[in-house]
Amino acid sequence: SSDLVLDRPRHEGLIDEIRATGAGTRLLLDGDVAGGINAARYESRIDMCVGTGGSPEGIVTACAIKALGGFIQTMMAPKDEAEAARGMAAGLKMNHVYTADELVSSDNTFFVATGVTDGALVEGVRRKGPIIRTDSIILRSHSGTLRRIQSDYNSARWH
């Protein structure tokens, strides 16, 4: 088992703290959404994904986490006072721990991702002769389902 952290300068102290406890740490070059999702997937060897990321990525991840029955918590981390002021004006709480239900109130969330390049969650687009293959994952919270779809397209038919 291990923790997953996005490999960014802002996480250097966090990575040092995790490693000081003796926990394994895997670094993500990209894909903080995929990292959060993989931490909630049953068959994953990732126990936890931690770090600071963007609000849109946090909401998208919360939709997927709700579908997987996982756990997510987050706090606002504004870059400066101006960003904090805009957030507070929009009704956001700066010193509050948000839960999945506060991030996304619906119990019928969908998450869909199709790979363009290879990542931790889906494979990128592949081409073999005239066949183009895509790899997608679909999560739905209402039914608790995870579906994988590989689609083949015959590009010769497009000419």
N, C-alpha and C. Protein backbone atom coordinates (compact mmCIF):
# COMPACT_ATOMS: atom_id res chain seq x y z
N SER A 1 0.84 -1.18 0.00
CA SER A 1 0.00 0.00 0.00
C SER A 1 0.88 1.24 0.00
N SER A 2 0.33 2.33 -0.51
CA SER A 2 1.10 3.56 -0.55
C SER A 2 0.17 4.76 -0.68
N ASP A 3 0.78 5.92 -0.47
CA ASP A 3 0.10 7.20 -0.65
C ASP A 3 0.49 7.76 -2.00
N LEU A 4 -0.39 8.53 -2.57
CA LEU A 4 -0.17 9.13 -3.88
C LEU A 4 -0.18 10.64 -3.71
N VAL A 5 0.84 11.31 -4.26
CA VAL A 5 0.95 12.76 -4.16
C VAL A 5 1.35 13.30 -5.53
N LEU A 6 0.68 14.36 -5.95
CA LEU A 6 1.03 15.02 -7.20
C LEU A 6 2.42 15.64 -7.04
N ASP A 7 3.32 15.35 -7.97
CA ASP A 7 4.70 15.80 -7.89
C ASP A 7 4.80 17.27 -8.30
N ARG A 8 4.66 18.15 -7.30
CA ARG A 8 4.73 19.58 -7.51
C ARG A 8 5.56 20.21 -6.39
N PRO A 9 6.25 21.31 -6.66
CA PRO A 9 7.05 21.96 -5.61
C PRO A 9 6.23 22.27 -4.35
N ARG A 10 4.95 22.59 -4.49
CA ARG A 10 4.13 22.93 -3.33
C ARG A 10 3.93 21.74 -2.39
N HIS A 11 4.24 20.52 -2.86
CA HIS A 11 4.03 19.31 -2.05
C HIS A 11 5.32 18.76 -1.44
N GLU A 12 6.46 19.44 -1.61
CA GLU A 12 7.74 18.92 -1.10
C GLU A 12 7.68 18.62 0.39
N GLY A 13 7.17 19.56 1.20
CA GLY A 13 7.08 19.34 2.64
C GLY A 13 6.16 18.18 2.99
N LEU A 14 5.04 18.08 2.29
CA LEU A 14 4.09 16.99 2.51
C LEU A 14 4.73 15.64 2.21
N ILE A 15 5.45 15.55 1.12
CA ILE A 15 6.13 14.31 0.74
C ILE A 15 7.14 13.92 1.81
N ASP A 16 7.92 14.89 2.30
CA ASP A 16 8.89 14.61 3.37
C ASP A 16 8.20 14.10 4.63
N GLU A 17 7.07 14.72 5.00
CA GLU A 17 6.33 14.29 6.19
C GLU A 17 5.82 12.86 6.04
N ILE A 18 5.26 12.52 4.88
CA ILE A 18 4.74 11.17 4.66
C ILE A 18 5.87 10.15 4.74
N ARG A 19 6.97 10.44 4.07
CA ARG A 19 8.10 9.50 4.05
C ARG A 19 8.73 9.35 5.43
N ALA A 20 8.70 10.40 6.25
CA ALA A 20 9.26 10.33 7.60
C ALA A 20 8.50 9.34 8.48
N THR A 21 7.22 9.09 8.16
CA THR A 21 6.44 8.12 8.94
C THR A 21 6.73 6.69 8.52
N GLY A 22 7.45 6.52 7.40
CA GLY A 22 7.74 5.18 6.89
C GLY A 22 6.75 4.70 5.86
N ALA A 23 5.76 5.52 5.53
CA ALA A 23 4.76 5.14 4.53
C ALA A 23 5.37 5.25 3.14
N GLY A 24 4.95 4.37 2.25
CA GLY A 24 5.38 4.44 0.86
C GLY A 24 4.70 5.61 0.17
N THR A 25 5.42 6.27 -0.72
CA THR A 25 4.87 7.41 -1.43
C THR A 25 5.14 7.26 -2.91
N ARG A 26 4.07 7.32 -3.70
CA ARG A 26 4.19 7.32 -5.16
C ARG A 26 3.88 8.73 -5.63
N LEU A 27 4.68 9.21 -6.58
CA LEU A 27 4.49 10.55 -7.09
C LEU A 27 3.80 10.51 -8.44
N LEU A 28 2.80 11.35 -8.59
CA LEU A 28 2.08 11.50 -9.85
C LEU A 28 2.66 12.68 -10.62
N LEU A 29 2.98 12.48 -11.89
CA LEU A 29 3.43 13.60 -12.71
C LEU A 29 2.24 14.43 -13.16
N ASP A 30 1.14 13.79 -13.45
CA ASP A 30 -0.10 14.43 -13.88
C ASP A 30 -1.26 13.58 -13.36
N GLY A 31 -2.45 14.12 -13.44
CA GLY A 31 -3.63 13.30 -13.19
C GLY A 31 -4.07 13.21 -11.75
N ASP A 32 -4.25 14.37 -11.08
CA ASP A 32 -4.70 14.32 -9.70
C ASP A 32 -6.11 13.76 -9.57
N VAL A 33 -6.95 13.92 -10.59
CA VAL A 33 -8.30 13.32 -10.56
C VAL A 33 -8.18 11.80 -10.58
N ALA A 34 -7.36 11.27 -11.48
CA ALA A 34 -7.16 9.82 -11.56
C ALA A 34 -6.57 9.29 -10.26
N GLY A 35 -5.68 10.04 -9.65
CA GLY A 35 -5.09 9.62 -8.38
C GLY A 35 -6.13 9.50 -7.29
N GLY A 36 -7.00 10.49 -7.19
CA GLY A 36 -8.07 10.44 -6.20
C GLY A 36 -9.02 9.28 -6.43
N ILE A 37 -9.33 9.03 -7.69
CA ILE A 37 -10.22 7.91 -8.03
C ILE A 37 -9.56 6.58 -7.70
N ASN A 38 -8.30 6.43 -8.07
CA ASN A 38 -7.61 5.17 -7.81
C ASN A 38 -7.48 4.89 -6.32
N ALA A 39 -7.42 5.92 -5.49
CA ALA A 39 -7.37 5.70 -4.04
C ALA A 39 -8.69 5.12 -3.53
N ALA A 40 -9.79 5.34 -4.23
CA ALA A 40 -11.10 4.84 -3.81
C ALA A 40 -11.47 3.51 -4.46
N ARG A 41 -10.71 3.09 -5.47
CA ARG A 41 -11.05 1.84 -6.16
C ARG A 41 -10.61 0.63 -5.34
N TYR A 42 -11.46 -0.36 -5.27
CA TYR A 42 -11.23 -1.55 -4.46
C TYR A 42 -9.95 -2.27 -4.84
N GLU A 43 -9.70 -2.43 -6.12
CA GLU A 43 -8.56 -3.24 -6.57
C GLU A 43 -7.24 -2.47 -6.62
N SER A 44 -7.26 -1.19 -6.28
CA SER A 44 -6.07 -0.36 -6.32
C SER A 44 -5.18 -0.62 -5.11
N ARG A 45 -3.87 -0.44 -5.29
CA ARG A 45 -2.93 -0.55 -4.17
C ARG A 45 -2.70 0.80 -3.51
N ILE A 46 -3.41 1.82 -3.96
CA ILE A 46 -3.29 3.17 -3.40
C ILE A 46 -4.29 3.31 -2.26
N ASP A 47 -3.81 3.73 -1.10
CA ASP A 47 -4.67 3.92 0.06
C ASP A 47 -5.23 5.34 0.16
N MET A 48 -4.41 6.31 -0.28
CA MET A 48 -4.79 7.69 -0.07
C MET A 48 -4.11 8.57 -1.11
N CYS A 49 -4.81 9.61 -1.53
CA CYS A 49 -4.25 10.61 -2.43
C CYS A 49 -4.37 11.95 -1.71
N VAL A 50 -3.25 12.65 -1.51
CA VAL A 50 -3.27 13.89 -0.76
C VAL A 50 -2.55 15.00 -1.53
N GLY A 51 -2.91 16.23 -1.23
CA GLY A 51 -2.22 17.37 -1.82
C GLY A 51 -3.17 18.51 -2.09
N THR A 52 -2.64 19.54 -2.72
CA THR A 52 -3.41 20.72 -3.05
C THR A 52 -3.65 20.74 -4.55
N GLY A 53 -4.90 20.90 -4.94
CA GLY A 53 -5.25 20.93 -6.36
C GLY A 53 -6.30 21.99 -6.63
N GLY A 54 -6.81 21.99 -7.83
CA GLY A 54 -7.80 22.97 -8.23
C GLY A 54 -9.21 22.59 -7.82
N SER A 55 -10.06 23.59 -7.67
CA SER A 55 -11.46 23.35 -7.30
C SER A 55 -12.22 22.52 -8.33
N PRO A 56 -12.09 22.80 -9.65
CA PRO A 56 -12.82 21.97 -10.62
C PRO A 56 -12.42 20.50 -10.52
N GLU A 57 -11.13 20.24 -10.34
CA GLU A 57 -10.67 18.85 -10.21
C GLU A 57 -11.24 18.21 -8.95
N GLY A 58 -11.36 18.98 -7.88
CA GLY A 58 -11.93 18.46 -6.65
C GLY A 58 -13.39 18.07 -6.80
N ILE A 59 -14.15 18.87 -7.51
CA ILE A 59 -15.57 18.57 -7.74
C ILE A 59 -15.73 17.33 -8.62
N VAL A 60 -14.96 17.26 -9.68
CA VAL A 60 -15.01 16.10 -10.58
C VAL A 60 -14.62 14.83 -9.81
N THR A 61 -13.58 14.92 -9.01
CA THR A 61 -13.15 13.77 -8.21
C THR A 61 -14.24 13.37 -7.22
N ALA A 62 -14.90 14.34 -6.60
CA ALA A 62 -15.97 14.04 -5.64
C ALA A 62 -17.12 13.28 -6.31
N CYS A 63 -17.45 13.63 -7.55
CA CYS A 63 -18.49 12.89 -8.29
C CYS A 63 -18.10 11.42 -8.42
N ALA A 64 -16.85 11.17 -8.77
CA ALA A 64 -16.39 9.79 -8.94
C ALA A 64 -16.32 9.07 -7.60
N ILE A 65 -15.83 9.75 -6.58
CA ILE A 65 -15.70 9.14 -5.24
C ILE A 65 -17.07 8.72 -4.71
N LYS A 66 -18.08 9.54 -4.94
CA LYS A 66 -19.43 9.18 -4.50
C LYS A 66 -19.91 7.91 -5.21
N ALA A 67 -19.56 7.76 -6.47
CA ALA A 67 -19.97 6.57 -7.21
C ALA A 67 -19.25 5.32 -6.70
N LEU A 68 -18.04 5.49 -6.21
CA LEU A 68 -17.25 4.35 -5.74
C LEU A 68 -17.46 4.05 -4.26
N GLY A 69 -18.21 4.92 -3.58
CA GLY A 69 -18.42 4.71 -2.14
C GLY A 69 -17.18 5.05 -1.34
N GLY A 70 -16.32 5.90 -1.88
CA GLY A 70 -15.09 6.28 -1.21
C GLY A 70 -15.28 7.47 -0.29
N PHE A 71 -14.18 8.03 0.15
CA PHE A 71 -14.18 9.11 1.14
C PHE A 71 -13.31 10.24 0.62
N ILE A 72 -13.81 11.45 0.71
CA ILE A 72 -13.05 12.63 0.29
C ILE A 72 -13.33 13.77 1.25
N GLN A 73 -12.29 14.50 1.60
CA GLN A 73 -12.41 15.72 2.38
C GLN A 73 -11.52 16.77 1.72
N THR A 74 -11.92 18.02 1.81
CA THR A 74 -11.12 19.09 1.23
C THR A 74 -11.36 20.40 1.97
N MET A 75 -10.39 21.27 1.84
CA MET A 75 -10.50 22.63 2.36
C MET A 75 -10.07 23.58 1.26
N MET A 76 -10.59 24.78 1.30
CA MET A 76 -10.17 25.79 0.35
C MET A 76 -8.72 26.18 0.66
N ALA A 77 -7.95 26.38 -0.38
CA ALA A 77 -6.55 26.80 -0.23
C ALA A 77 -6.26 27.92 -1.22
N PRO A 78 -6.80 29.12 -0.95
CA PRO A 78 -6.60 30.22 -1.89
C PRO A 78 -5.12 30.58 -2.01
N LYS A 79 -4.73 31.01 -3.21
CA LYS A 79 -3.33 31.37 -3.47
C LYS A 79 -2.96 32.71 -2.85
N ASP A 80 -3.94 33.59 -2.69
CA ASP A 80 -3.67 34.91 -2.14
C ASP A 80 -4.95 35.49 -1.55
N GLU A 81 -4.84 36.67 -0.97
CA GLU A 81 -5.99 37.32 -0.33
C GLU A 81 -7.10 37.65 -1.32
N ALA A 82 -6.73 38.03 -2.53
CA ALA A 82 -7.75 38.37 -3.54
C ALA A 82 -8.58 37.14 -3.88
N GLU A 83 -7.91 36.00 -4.04
CA GLU A 83 -8.63 34.76 -4.35
C GLU A 83 -9.52 34.36 -3.17
N ALA A 84 -9.03 34.52 -1.96
CA ALA A 84 -9.82 34.21 -0.76
C ALA A 84 -11.05 35.12 -0.70
N ALA A 85 -10.88 36.39 -1.01
CA ALA A 85 -12.00 37.33 -0.98
C ALA A 85 -13.06 36.96 -2.01
N ARG A 86 -12.63 36.56 -3.22
CA ARG A 86 -13.59 36.13 -4.25
C ARG A 86 -14.34 34.87 -3.79
N GLY A 87 -13.64 33.96 -3.16
CA GLY A 87 -14.28 32.74 -2.66
C GLY A 87 -15.30 33.03 -1.58
N MET A 88 -14.94 33.88 -0.64
CA MET A 88 -15.87 34.24 0.45
C MET A 88 -17.08 34.98 -0.11
N ALA A 89 -16.86 35.85 -1.10
CA ALA A 89 -17.98 36.57 -1.73
C ALA A 89 -18.93 35.60 -2.42
N ALA A 90 -18.40 34.46 -2.87
CA ALA A 90 -19.23 33.44 -3.53
C ALA A 90 -19.87 32.49 -2.51
N GLY A 91 -19.60 32.71 -1.20
CA GLY A 91 -20.22 31.90 -0.17
C GLY A 91 -19.39 30.72 0.31
N LEU A 92 -18.14 30.66 -0.09
CA LEU A 92 -17.27 29.56 0.34
C LEU A 92 -16.70 29.84 1.72
N LYS A 93 -16.49 28.77 2.49
CA LYS A 93 -15.91 28.86 3.83
C LYS A 93 -14.43 28.51 3.73
N MET A 94 -13.58 29.37 4.24
CA MET A 94 -12.14 29.18 4.10
C MET A 94 -11.54 28.22 5.12
N ASN A 95 -12.09 28.12 6.29
CA ASN A 95 -11.53 27.23 7.33
C ASN A 95 -12.50 26.11 7.65
N HIS A 96 -13.07 25.53 6.62
CA HIS A 96 -14.09 24.49 6.77
C HIS A 96 -13.65 23.24 6.01
N VAL A 97 -13.86 22.09 6.62
CA VAL A 97 -13.56 20.83 5.94
C VAL A 97 -14.83 20.39 5.21
N TYR A 98 -14.76 20.39 3.89
CA TYR A 98 -15.90 20.01 3.05
C TYR A 98 -15.92 18.49 2.86
N THR A 99 -17.12 17.91 2.92
CA THR A 99 -17.31 16.48 2.66
C THR A 99 -17.78 16.28 1.21
N ALA A 100 -17.85 15.04 0.78
CA ALA A 100 -18.32 14.74 -0.57
C ALA A 100 -19.72 15.29 -0.81
N ASP A 101 -20.61 15.14 0.17
CA ASP A 101 -21.99 15.61 0.01
C ASP A 101 -22.07 17.14 -0.04
N GLU A 102 -21.13 17.83 0.59
CA GLU A 102 -21.11 19.29 0.50
C GLU A 102 -20.54 19.74 -0.85
N LEU A 103 -19.62 18.98 -1.38
CA LEU A 103 -19.03 19.32 -2.68
C LEU A 103 -20.01 19.05 -3.82
N VAL A 104 -20.73 17.92 -3.71
CA VAL A 104 -21.69 17.50 -4.73
C VAL A 104 -22.91 16.97 -4.00
N SER A 105 -24.00 17.70 -4.04
CA SER A 105 -25.17 17.33 -3.23
C SER A 105 -25.99 16.19 -3.82
N SER A 106 -25.88 15.93 -5.11
CA SER A 106 -26.69 14.90 -5.75
C SER A 106 -26.22 13.49 -5.38
N ASP A 107 -27.18 12.56 -5.31
CA ASP A 107 -26.85 11.15 -5.14
C ASP A 107 -26.86 10.43 -6.47
N ASN A 108 -26.94 11.18 -7.57
CA ASN A 108 -26.95 10.59 -8.90
C ASN A 108 -25.87 11.27 -9.76
N THR A 109 -24.62 11.06 -9.35
CA THR A 109 -23.51 11.65 -10.09
C THR A 109 -23.01 10.70 -11.17
N PHE A 110 -22.44 11.28 -12.20
CA PHE A 110 -21.79 10.53 -13.27
C PHE A 110 -20.37 11.03 -13.42
N PHE A 111 -19.48 10.13 -13.71
CA PHE A 111 -18.11 10.49 -14.06
C PHE A 111 -17.75 9.68 -15.30
N VAL A 112 -17.27 10.35 -16.33
CA VAL A 112 -16.88 9.67 -17.56
C VAL A 112 -15.53 10.22 -17.99
N ALA A 113 -14.60 9.32 -18.29
CA ALA A 113 -13.29 9.74 -18.80
C ALA A 113 -12.89 8.81 -19.94
N THR A 114 -12.42 9.41 -21.03
CA THR A 114 -11.86 8.67 -22.16
C THR A 114 -10.42 9.11 -22.31
N GLY A 115 -9.51 8.16 -22.37
CA GLY A 115 -8.10 8.48 -22.46
C GLY A 115 -7.71 9.05 -23.81
N VAL A 116 -6.91 10.07 -23.79
CA VAL A 116 -6.27 10.60 -25.00
C VAL A 116 -4.83 10.11 -25.01
N THR A 117 -4.15 10.26 -23.87
CA THR A 117 -2.83 9.68 -23.66
C THR A 117 -2.94 8.68 -22.51
N ASP A 118 -1.98 7.81 -22.37
CA ASP A 118 -2.00 6.83 -21.28
C ASP A 118 -1.95 7.53 -19.94
N GLY A 119 -2.73 7.02 -19.00
CA GLY A 119 -2.75 7.57 -17.65
C GLY A 119 -2.98 6.47 -16.64
N ALA A 120 -3.13 6.86 -15.39
CA ALA A 120 -3.31 5.92 -14.30
C ALA A 120 -4.70 5.29 -14.29
N LEU A 121 -5.62 5.85 -15.04
CA LEU A 121 -7.01 5.38 -15.00
C LEU A 121 -7.45 4.73 -16.30
N VAL A 122 -7.06 5.30 -17.43
CA VAL A 122 -7.45 4.77 -18.75
C VAL A 122 -6.25 4.83 -19.70
N GLU A 123 -6.31 3.98 -20.72
CA GLU A 123 -5.27 3.99 -21.75
C GLU A 123 -5.57 5.07 -22.77
N GLY A 124 -4.54 5.53 -23.43
CA GLY A 124 -4.70 6.52 -24.47
C GLY A 124 -5.21 5.89 -25.76
N VAL A 125 -5.49 6.73 -26.74
CA VAL A 125 -5.97 6.28 -28.04
C VAL A 125 -4.89 5.42 -28.70
N ARG A 126 -5.32 4.31 -29.29
CA ARG A 126 -4.43 3.41 -30.00
C ARG A 126 -4.89 3.30 -31.45
N ARG A 127 -3.91 3.12 -32.34
CA ARG A 127 -4.24 2.93 -33.75
C ARG A 127 -3.47 1.73 -34.27
N LYS A 128 -4.19 0.83 -34.91
CA LYS A 128 -3.57 -0.32 -35.57
C LYS A 128 -4.21 -0.43 -36.94
N GLY A 129 -3.46 -0.01 -37.95
CA GLY A 129 -4.03 0.04 -39.29
C GLY A 129 -5.18 1.02 -39.31
N PRO A 130 -6.31 0.63 -39.85
CA PRO A 130 -7.45 1.55 -39.92
C PRO A 130 -8.27 1.61 -38.62
N ILE A 131 -7.93 0.77 -37.64
CA ILE A 131 -8.71 0.70 -36.40
C ILE A 131 -8.15 1.65 -35.35
N ILE A 132 -9.03 2.48 -34.82
CA ILE A 132 -8.69 3.40 -33.74
C ILE A 132 -9.46 2.93 -32.51
N ARG A 133 -8.73 2.67 -31.40
CA ARG A 133 -9.35 2.18 -30.17
C ARG A 133 -9.26 3.23 -29.08
N THR A 134 -10.39 3.41 -28.38
CA THR A 134 -10.42 4.30 -27.21
C THR A 134 -10.78 3.48 -25.98
N ASP A 135 -10.36 3.96 -24.83
CA ASP A 135 -10.61 3.31 -23.55
C ASP A 135 -11.31 4.32 -22.64
N SER A 136 -12.47 3.94 -22.10
CA SER A 136 -13.25 4.85 -21.25
C SER A 136 -13.65 4.16 -19.95
N ILE A 137 -13.88 4.98 -18.93
CA ILE A 137 -14.43 4.51 -17.66
C ILE A 137 -15.65 5.36 -17.35
N ILE A 138 -16.71 4.71 -16.87
CA ILE A 138 -17.95 5.39 -16.54
C ILE A 138 -18.34 4.97 -15.13
N LEU A 139 -18.58 5.95 -14.25
CA LEU A 139 -19.00 5.70 -12.88
C LEU A 139 -20.33 6.39 -12.63
N ARG A 140 -21.22 5.71 -11.94
CA ARG A 140 -22.52 6.30 -11.59
C ARG A 140 -22.81 6.02 -10.12
N SER A 141 -23.10 7.08 -9.37
CA SER A 141 -23.32 6.91 -7.93
C SER A 141 -24.66 6.28 -7.60
N HIS A 142 -25.71 6.59 -8.37
CA HIS A 142 -27.05 6.07 -8.06
C HIS A 142 -27.06 4.54 -8.06
N SER A 143 -26.38 3.93 -9.01
CA SER A 143 -26.35 2.47 -9.11
C SER A 143 -25.07 1.87 -8.53
N GLY A 144 -24.07 2.71 -8.24
CA GLY A 144 -22.80 2.21 -7.72
C GLY A 144 -22.01 1.41 -8.74
N THR A 145 -22.20 1.71 -10.02
CA THR A 145 -21.56 0.91 -11.06
C THR A 145 -20.31 1.59 -11.61
N LEU A 146 -19.37 0.74 -12.00
CA LEU A 146 -18.17 1.15 -12.72
C LEU A 146 -18.16 0.33 -14.00
N ARG A 147 -18.13 1.00 -15.12
CA ARG A 147 -18.10 0.31 -16.41
C ARG A 147 -16.87 0.75 -17.18
N ARG A 148 -16.26 -0.17 -17.86
CA ARG A 148 -15.15 0.13 -18.76
C ARG A 148 -15.61 -0.18 -20.17
N ILE A 149 -15.31 0.71 -21.07
CA ILE A 149 -15.70 0.50 -22.46
C ILE A 149 -14.49 0.73 -23.35
N GLN A 150 -14.20 -0.26 -24.17
CA GLN A 150 -13.20 -0.09 -25.22
C GLN A 150 -13.98 -0.05 -26.53
N SER A 151 -13.75 0.99 -27.29
CA SER A 151 -14.47 1.17 -28.54
C SER A 151 -13.48 1.15 -29.70
N ASP A 152 -13.83 0.41 -30.74
CA ASP A 152 -13.03 0.37 -31.95
C ASP A 152 -13.77 1.09 -33.06
N TYR A 153 -13.05 1.97 -33.75
CA TYR A 153 -13.61 2.72 -34.88
C TYR A 153 -12.79 2.38 -36.10
N ASN A 154 -13.46 2.09 -37.19
CA ASN A 154 -12.77 1.81 -38.45
C ASN A 154 -12.64 3.11 -39.21
N SER A 155 -11.45 3.69 -39.19
CA SER A 155 -11.23 4.98 -39.82
C SER A 155 -11.34 4.91 -41.33
N ALA A 156 -11.25 3.71 -41.91
CA ALA A 156 -11.39 3.57 -43.38
C ALA A 156 -12.80 3.96 -43.83
N ARG A 157 -13.76 3.85 -42.93
CA ARG A 157 -15.15 4.18 -43.28
C ARG A 157 -15.36 5.69 -43.37
N TRP A 158 -14.43 6.49 -42.88
CA TRP A 158 -14.58 7.94 -42.86
C TRP A 158 -14.17 8.58 -44.18
N HIS A 159 -13.57 7.82 -45.09
CA HIS A 159 -13.07 8.40 -46.35
C HIS A 159 -14.06 8.22 -47.47
